[in-house]
Amino acid sequence: MVGGKGGVGKTTCASAIALECALRGKKTLIVSSDPTPSLSDIFETEIGEEERRVREGLELFGMEISSDLILRRWKERFGPEIYEVISSFADLEYDFVDYIGTAPGIEEEYMLNLIVELTDSGAYDVVVWDTAPAGHTLRLLELPHLFLRHLEAATKFYMSLYGYFEKMKEMVRSRRSKRTLLEIIGGWERMAQRIIESIKDGERTKYVVVTIPEALGVRLTERFVRELQGHGLYVENLIVNQVIEEEDCEFHRQRKAMQQRYIDLLRETYPHMNVILLPLSPQEVKGFEAIGRVSRLLFSDA
């Protein structure tokens, strides 16, 4: 998972990591969940919302996750179960599932589930996730815990209904509902628990944070890392992007001195992390050749 605040070069770094994995013979999928995905732009090839090979002869595939894709797959996977629950209590049209699919948190919860399914499928050796800006990502990672708490409350509510209505058991086991309500809720609980276990598994999931050596970038990075740690997620690699290497004028001399203070602060704050400095590029990073240059810089000591 490659995270950080907006505009620091997450997609560039994620693309370089994915390319390096593919060049090392790993079948690799790079997934972007940014609301404004730019994988197609940086690789200079159309990618879209379906898994697609990025370049012939290379085991590198790409996928840009859209809101429409998430809602469509959620409805395919959970729509029948949702309707099974609702129709146990009331006569409603199946279209009501569409309304539920727009509820806050549904899209983000199933996005995580989709990422986990992609990694669990075994179709790829490596899945590189280019995330949305930091605030959105943190909310995303908190959702499985919130979802579980909601399900626990829902279970208590439904159990109280069982005790209050003598015929509830027969209703839930009617022809309209082949399984009990609690069995369905149990399946959703297992899904949320599987997501939590997957994102906390340090052997399977690695977190890379990208930042820039400026005050705002460093402060947001500290907050991002702290909140990740609060969820039991630990960052091993920190990429500091847009670093000035050559001070060929007074402007660059002052800016390099400013950047060095923040680089030193990051190294002091995170002595356990692998801090990688990525030089500021005079050109925009687009196309395989440019991504390859970034990849060689990131993995020069590997």
Protein backbone atom coordinates (compact mmCIF):
# COMPACT_ATOMS: atom_id res chain seq x y z
CA MET A 1 0.00 0.00 0.00
CA VAL A 2 1.48 3.31 -1.12
CA GLY A 3 0.02 6.25 0.81
CA GLY A 4 0.58 9.90 1.64
CA LYS A 5 -0.93 13.30 1.11
CA GLY A 6 -2.07 14.47 -2.31
CA GLY A 7 0.50 15.78 -4.77
CA VAL A 8 3.62 14.12 -3.33
CA GLY A 9 4.07 11.54 -6.10
CA LYS A 10 2.28 8.45 -4.77
CA THR A 11 1.25 7.25 -8.23
CA THR A 12 4.75 7.77 -9.60
CA CYS A 13 6.29 5.76 -6.75
CA ALA A 14 3.62 3.05 -6.87
CA SER A 15 4.14 2.68 -10.62
CA ALA A 16 7.91 2.44 -10.17
CA ILE A 17 7.52 -0.21 -7.44
CA ALA A 18 5.12 -2.22 -9.60
CA LEU A 19 7.42 -2.01 -12.63
CA GLU A 20 10.40 -3.21 -10.58
CA CYS A 21 8.41 -6.16 -9.24
CA ALA A 22 7.39 -7.12 -12.78
CA LEU A 23 10.95 -6.79 -14.06
CA ARG A 24 12.04 -9.17 -11.30
CA GLY A 25 9.68 -11.79 -12.69
CA LYS A 26 6.74 -11.24 -10.35
CA LYS A 27 3.29 -11.19 -11.86
CA THR A 28 2.20 -7.77 -10.63
CA LEU A 29 -1.04 -5.81 -10.49
CA ILE A 30 -1.07 -2.08 -9.77
CA VAL A 31 -4.43 -0.81 -8.54
CA SER A 32 -5.42 2.85 -8.16
CA SER A 33 -8.33 3.82 -5.92
CA ASP A 34 -7.72 7.55 -6.28
CA PRO A 35 -10.96 9.35 -7.26
CA THR A 36 -8.92 10.95 -10.07
CA PRO A 37 -6.75 7.99 -11.16
CA SER A 38 -3.75 8.75 -13.35
CA LEU A 39 -2.26 5.33 -14.07
CA SER A 40 -3.31 5.64 -17.70
CA ASP A 41 -1.55 8.99 -17.93
CA ILE A 42 1.71 7.93 -16.30
CA PHE A 43 1.98 4.65 -18.26
CA GLU A 44 0.72 6.39 -21.42
CA THR A 45 -1.70 3.56 -22.15
CA GLU A 46 -5.40 3.10 -21.49
CA ILE A 47 -5.97 1.02 -18.34
CA GLY A 48 -9.51 1.52 -17.04
CA GLU A 49 -11.54 -0.35 -14.43
CA GLU A 50 -10.86 -3.90 -15.62
CA GLU A 51 -7.57 -5.71 -15.03
CA ARG A 52 -5.46 -5.13 -18.14
CA ARG A 53 -1.89 -5.89 -19.18
CA VAL A 54 0.06 -2.63 -19.19
CA ARG A 55 2.72 -3.75 -21.67
CA GLU A 56 3.15 -6.77 -23.90
CA GLY A 57 5.88 -9.13 -22.81
CA LEU A 58 5.79 -7.87 -19.22
CA GLU A 59 3.81 -9.44 -16.38
CA LEU A 60 2.50 -6.05 -15.29
CA PHE A 61 -1.23 -5.40 -15.10
CA GLY A 62 -3.18 -2.30 -14.12
CA MET A 63 -6.63 -1.43 -12.82
CA GLU A 64 -8.29 1.91 -11.99
CA ILE A 65 -11.11 1.39 -9.50
CA SER A 66 -14.11 3.65 -10.04
CA SER A 67 -17.14 4.26 -7.84
CA ASP A 68 -19.37 2.73 -10.51
CA LEU A 69 -17.28 -0.45 -10.55
CA ILE A 70 -17.39 -0.79 -6.76
CA LEU A 71 -21.16 -0.29 -6.60
CA ARG A 72 -21.75 -2.72 -9.46
CA ARG A 73 -19.63 -5.45 -7.90
CA TRP A 74 -21.10 -4.81 -4.46
CA LYS A 75 -24.61 -5.27 -5.84
CA GLU A 76 -23.59 -8.48 -7.61
CA ARG A 77 -22.01 -9.87 -4.45
CA PHE A 78 -24.27 -8.59 -1.67
CA GLY A 79 -27.46 -7.44 -3.39
CA PRO A 80 -29.23 -10.81 -3.07
CA GLU A 81 -28.27 -11.06 0.62
CA ILE A 82 -29.41 -7.51 1.34
CA TYR A 83 -32.74 -8.19 -0.32
CA GLU A 84 -33.03 -11.49 1.56
CA VAL A 85 -32.71 -9.60 4.85
CA ILE A 86 -35.07 -6.78 3.96
CA SER A 87 -37.74 -8.98 2.42
CA SER A 88 -37.86 -10.96 5.68
CA PHE A 89 -39.40 -7.90 7.33
CA ALA A 90 -41.20 -6.00 4.57
CA ASP A 91 -42.49 -6.29 1.04
CA LEU A 92 -40.16 -4.13 -1.03
CA GLU A 93 -39.01 -4.08 -4.64
CA TYR A 94 -35.49 -5.33 -5.39
CA ASP A 95 -34.58 -1.78 -6.51
CA PHE A 96 -34.34 -0.92 -2.82
CA VAL A 97 -30.90 -2.56 -2.91
CA ASP A 98 -29.71 0.32 -5.15
CA TYR A 99 -30.75 2.78 -2.45
CA ILE A 100 -28.84 0.90 0.25
CA GLY A 101 -25.78 0.78 -1.99
CA THR A 102 -25.49 4.57 -1.78
CA ALA A 103 -25.27 4.54 2.03
CA PRO A 104 -22.13 6.20 3.48
CA GLY A 105 -19.25 3.75 3.87
CA ILE A 106 -20.58 1.03 1.58
CA GLU A 107 -18.33 1.99 -1.34
CA GLU A 108 -15.21 2.25 0.81
CA GLU A 109 -15.92 -0.99 2.70
CA TYR A 110 -16.34 -3.00 -0.48
CA MET A 111 -13.32 -1.33 -2.07
CA LEU A 112 -11.22 -2.82 0.71
CA ASN A 113 -12.91 -6.15 0.19
CA LEU A 114 -12.08 -6.00 -3.52
CA ILE A 115 -8.41 -5.29 -2.78
CA VAL A 116 -8.29 -8.24 -0.38
CA GLU A 117 -10.00 -10.50 -2.93
CA LEU A 118 -7.42 -9.53 -5.55
CA THR A 119 -4.57 -10.44 -3.21
CA ASP A 120 -6.25 -13.63 -1.99
CA SER A 121 -7.07 -14.85 -5.50
CA GLY A 122 -3.51 -16.02 -6.12
CA ALA A 123 -3.65 -14.59 -9.63
CA TYR A 124 -0.80 -12.19 -8.82
CA ASP A 125 2.45 -12.45 -6.91
CA VAL A 126 2.28 -8.79 -5.92
CA VAL A 127 -0.54 -6.26 -5.75
CA VAL A 128 0.58 -2.62 -5.47
CA TRP A 129 -2.18 -0.34 -4.22
CA ASP A 130 -1.92 3.34 -5.19
CA THR A 131 -4.26 4.85 -2.60
CA ALA A 132 -6.26 8.06 -2.48
CA PRO A 133 -4.87 11.00 -0.43
CA ALA A 134 -4.12 10.30 3.22
CA GLY A 135 -7.37 11.40 4.88
CA HIS A 136 -9.49 9.24 2.59
CA THR A 137 -7.17 6.26 3.10
CA LEU A 138 -7.27 6.51 6.90
CA ARG A 139 -11.07 6.57 6.85
CA LEU A 140 -10.97 3.56 4.56
CA LEU A 141 -8.75 1.56 6.94
CA GLU A 142 -10.97 2.41 9.92
CA LEU A 143 -14.16 1.17 8.25
CA PRO A 144 -13.85 -2.59 8.94
CA HIS A 145 -13.70 -1.87 12.68
CA LEU A 146 -16.71 0.45 12.43
CA PHE A 147 -18.51 -2.11 10.30
CA LEU A 148 -17.97 -4.82 12.91
CA ARG A 149 -19.28 -2.55 15.67
CA HIS A 150 -22.34 -1.78 13.57
CA LEU A 151 -22.96 -5.49 12.96
CA GLU A 152 -22.65 -6.24 16.67
CA ALA A 153 -25.28 -3.58 17.39
CA ALA A 154 -27.44 -4.86 14.55
CA THR A 155 -27.26 -8.40 15.87
CA LYS A 156 -28.45 -7.27 19.31
CA PHE A 157 -31.27 -5.34 17.68
CA TYR A 158 -32.42 -8.29 15.61
CA MET A 159 -32.17 -10.62 18.61
CA SER A 160 -34.44 -8.27 20.54
CA LEU A 161 -36.90 -8.49 17.68
CA TYR A 162 -36.77 -12.28 17.91
CA GLY A 163 -37.75 -12.07 21.55
CA TYR A 164 -40.46 -9.49 20.97
CA PHE A 165 -42.18 -11.09 18.00
CA GLU A 166 -43.08 -14.71 18.55
CA LYS A 167 -43.32 -15.39 14.83
CA MET A 168 -40.07 -13.77 13.82
CA LYS A 169 -38.28 -17.09 13.54
CA GLU A 170 -40.86 -18.44 11.13
CA MET A 171 -40.76 -15.23 9.10
CA VAL A 172 -36.99 -15.31 8.75
CA ARG A 173 -37.12 -18.96 7.74
CA SER A 174 -39.92 -18.37 5.26
CA ARG A 175 -39.66 -19.15 1.59
CA ARG A 176 -38.44 -15.62 0.95
CA SER A 177 -35.41 -16.13 3.24
CA LYS A 178 -33.50 -19.37 2.81
CA ARG A 179 -31.06 -18.54 5.61
CA THR A 180 -31.55 -16.92 8.96
CA LEU A 181 -30.78 -13.26 9.39
CA LEU A 182 -28.02 -14.03 11.86
CA GLU A 183 -26.32 -16.38 9.39
CA ILE A 184 -26.19 -13.59 6.82
CA ILE A 185 -24.88 -11.09 9.36
CA GLY A 186 -22.31 -13.67 10.40
CA GLY A 187 -21.06 -13.82 6.81
CA TRP A 188 -20.64 -10.05 6.73
CA GLU A 189 -18.80 -10.15 10.04
CA ARG A 190 -16.38 -12.73 8.66
CA MET A 191 -15.76 -10.53 5.63
CA ALA A 192 -14.92 -7.51 7.82
CA GLN A 193 -12.71 -9.66 10.06
CA ARG A 194 -10.88 -11.05 7.01
CA ILE A 195 -10.17 -7.51 5.81
CA ILE A 196 -8.79 -6.52 9.23
CA GLU A 197 -6.57 -9.60 9.40
CA SER A 198 -5.28 -9.02 5.88
CA ILE A 199 -4.32 -5.36 6.31
CA LYS A 200 -2.66 -6.13 9.66
CA ASP A 201 -0.65 -9.11 8.39
CA GLY A 202 2.89 -7.76 8.28
CA GLU A 203 4.11 -10.73 6.26
CA ARG A 204 1.60 -10.13 3.48
CA THR A 205 0.98 -6.38 3.55
CA LYS A 206 3.65 -3.68 3.44
CA TYR A 207 3.06 0.04 3.86
CA VAL A 208 5.05 2.66 1.96
CA VAL A 209 4.53 6.34 2.73
CA VAL A 210 5.51 9.04 0.25
CA THR A 211 6.17 12.62 1.36
CA ILE A 212 8.09 15.75 0.39
CA PRO A 213 10.67 17.59 2.55
CA GLU A 214 8.49 20.56 3.45
CA ALA A 215 6.67 21.56 6.64
CA LEU A 216 3.17 20.59 5.52
CA GLY A 217 4.34 17.33 3.99
CA VAL A 218 6.24 16.33 7.13
CA ARG A 219 3.40 17.25 9.51
CA LEU A 220 0.85 15.32 7.50
CA THR A 221 3.24 12.38 7.27
CA GLU A 222 3.66 12.34 11.04
CA ARG A 223 -0.11 12.37 11.47
CA PHE A 224 -0.59 9.69 8.80
CA VAL A 225 2.03 7.36 10.28
CA ARG A 226 0.71 7.90 13.82
CA GLU A 227 -2.84 7.03 12.78
CA LEU A 228 -1.65 3.99 10.85
CA GLN A 229 0.17 2.81 13.95
CA GLY A 230 -3.01 3.42 15.93
CA HIS A 231 -4.66 0.83 13.69
CA GLY A 232 -1.79 -1.61 14.27
CA LEU A 233 -0.27 -0.90 10.84
CA TYR A 234 3.45 -0.17 10.67
CA VAL A 235 5.38 1.61 7.94
CA GLU A 236 8.76 0.18 6.99
CA ASN A 237 9.61 2.40 4.02
CA LEU A 238 9.40 6.18 3.71
CA ILE A 239 10.04 7.80 0.34
CA VAL A 240 11.02 11.48 0.43
CA ASN A 241 10.27 12.82 -3.04
CA GLN A 242 11.32 16.00 -4.90
CA VAL A 243 14.68 16.28 -3.17
CA ILE A 244 17.05 18.88 -4.63
CA GLU A 245 20.51 17.39 -5.18
CA GLU A 246 22.51 20.14 -6.91
CA GLU A 247 22.55 23.70 -5.58
CA ASP A 248 23.40 25.59 -8.79
CA CYS A 249 21.94 28.93 -7.68
CA GLU A 250 21.03 30.86 -4.53
CA PHE A 251 17.41 29.73 -4.78
CA HIS A 252 18.37 26.06 -4.88
CA ARG A 253 20.98 26.53 -2.15
CA GLN A 254 18.40 27.91 0.26
CA ARG A 255 15.81 25.38 -0.73
CA LYS A 256 18.20 22.46 -0.35
CA ALA A 257 19.17 23.68 3.14
CA MET A 258 15.46 23.90 4.04
CA GLN A 259 14.79 20.42 2.71
CA GLN A 260 17.77 18.97 4.59
CA ARG A 261 16.31 20.13 7.92
CA TYR A 262 13.11 18.20 7.24
CA ILE A 263 14.98 15.14 5.95
CA ASP A 264 17.04 15.09 9.16
CA LEU A 265 13.84 15.47 11.19
CA LEU A 266 12.22 12.53 9.42
CA ARG A 267 15.27 10.32 9.96
CA GLU A 268 15.40 11.32 13.61
CA THR A 269 11.67 10.71 14.09
CA TYR A 270 11.66 7.35 12.27
CA PRO A 271 15.03 5.68 12.92
CA HIS A 272 13.46 2.25 12.31
CA MET A 273 12.30 3.15 8.79
CA ASN A 274 14.11 2.78 5.52
CA VAL A 275 14.18 6.42 4.36
CA ILE A 276 14.69 6.70 0.60
CA LEU A 277 15.47 10.03 -1.06
CA LEU A 278 14.08 10.52 -4.54
CA PRO A 279 15.63 13.43 -6.48
CA LEU A 280 13.52 16.15 -8.04
CA SER A 281 13.20 15.38 -11.73
CA PRO A 282 13.59 18.17 -14.33
CA GLN A 283 10.93 16.46 -16.46
CA GLU A 284 7.54 15.00 -15.62
CA VAL A 285 7.50 11.24 -15.11
CA LYS A 286 5.53 9.70 -17.98
CA GLY A 287 6.11 6.51 -19.94
CA PHE A 288 8.07 3.35 -19.20
CA GLU A 289 11.50 4.89 -19.64
CA ALA A 290 10.82 7.64 -17.09
CA ILE A 291 9.15 5.23 -14.66
CA GLY A 292 12.12 2.90 -15.07
CA ARG A 293 14.50 5.70 -14.02
CA VAL A 294 12.48 6.27 -10.84
CA SER A 295 12.43 2.53 -10.19
CA ARG A 296 16.22 2.28 -10.44
CA LEU A 297 16.60 5.16 -8.00
CA LEU A 298 14.20 3.59 -5.48
CA PHE A 299 15.84 0.18 -5.65
CA SER A 300 19.47 1.26 -6.10
CA ASP A 301 20.46 -0.21 -2.71
CA ALA A 302 18.23 -3.30 -2.94
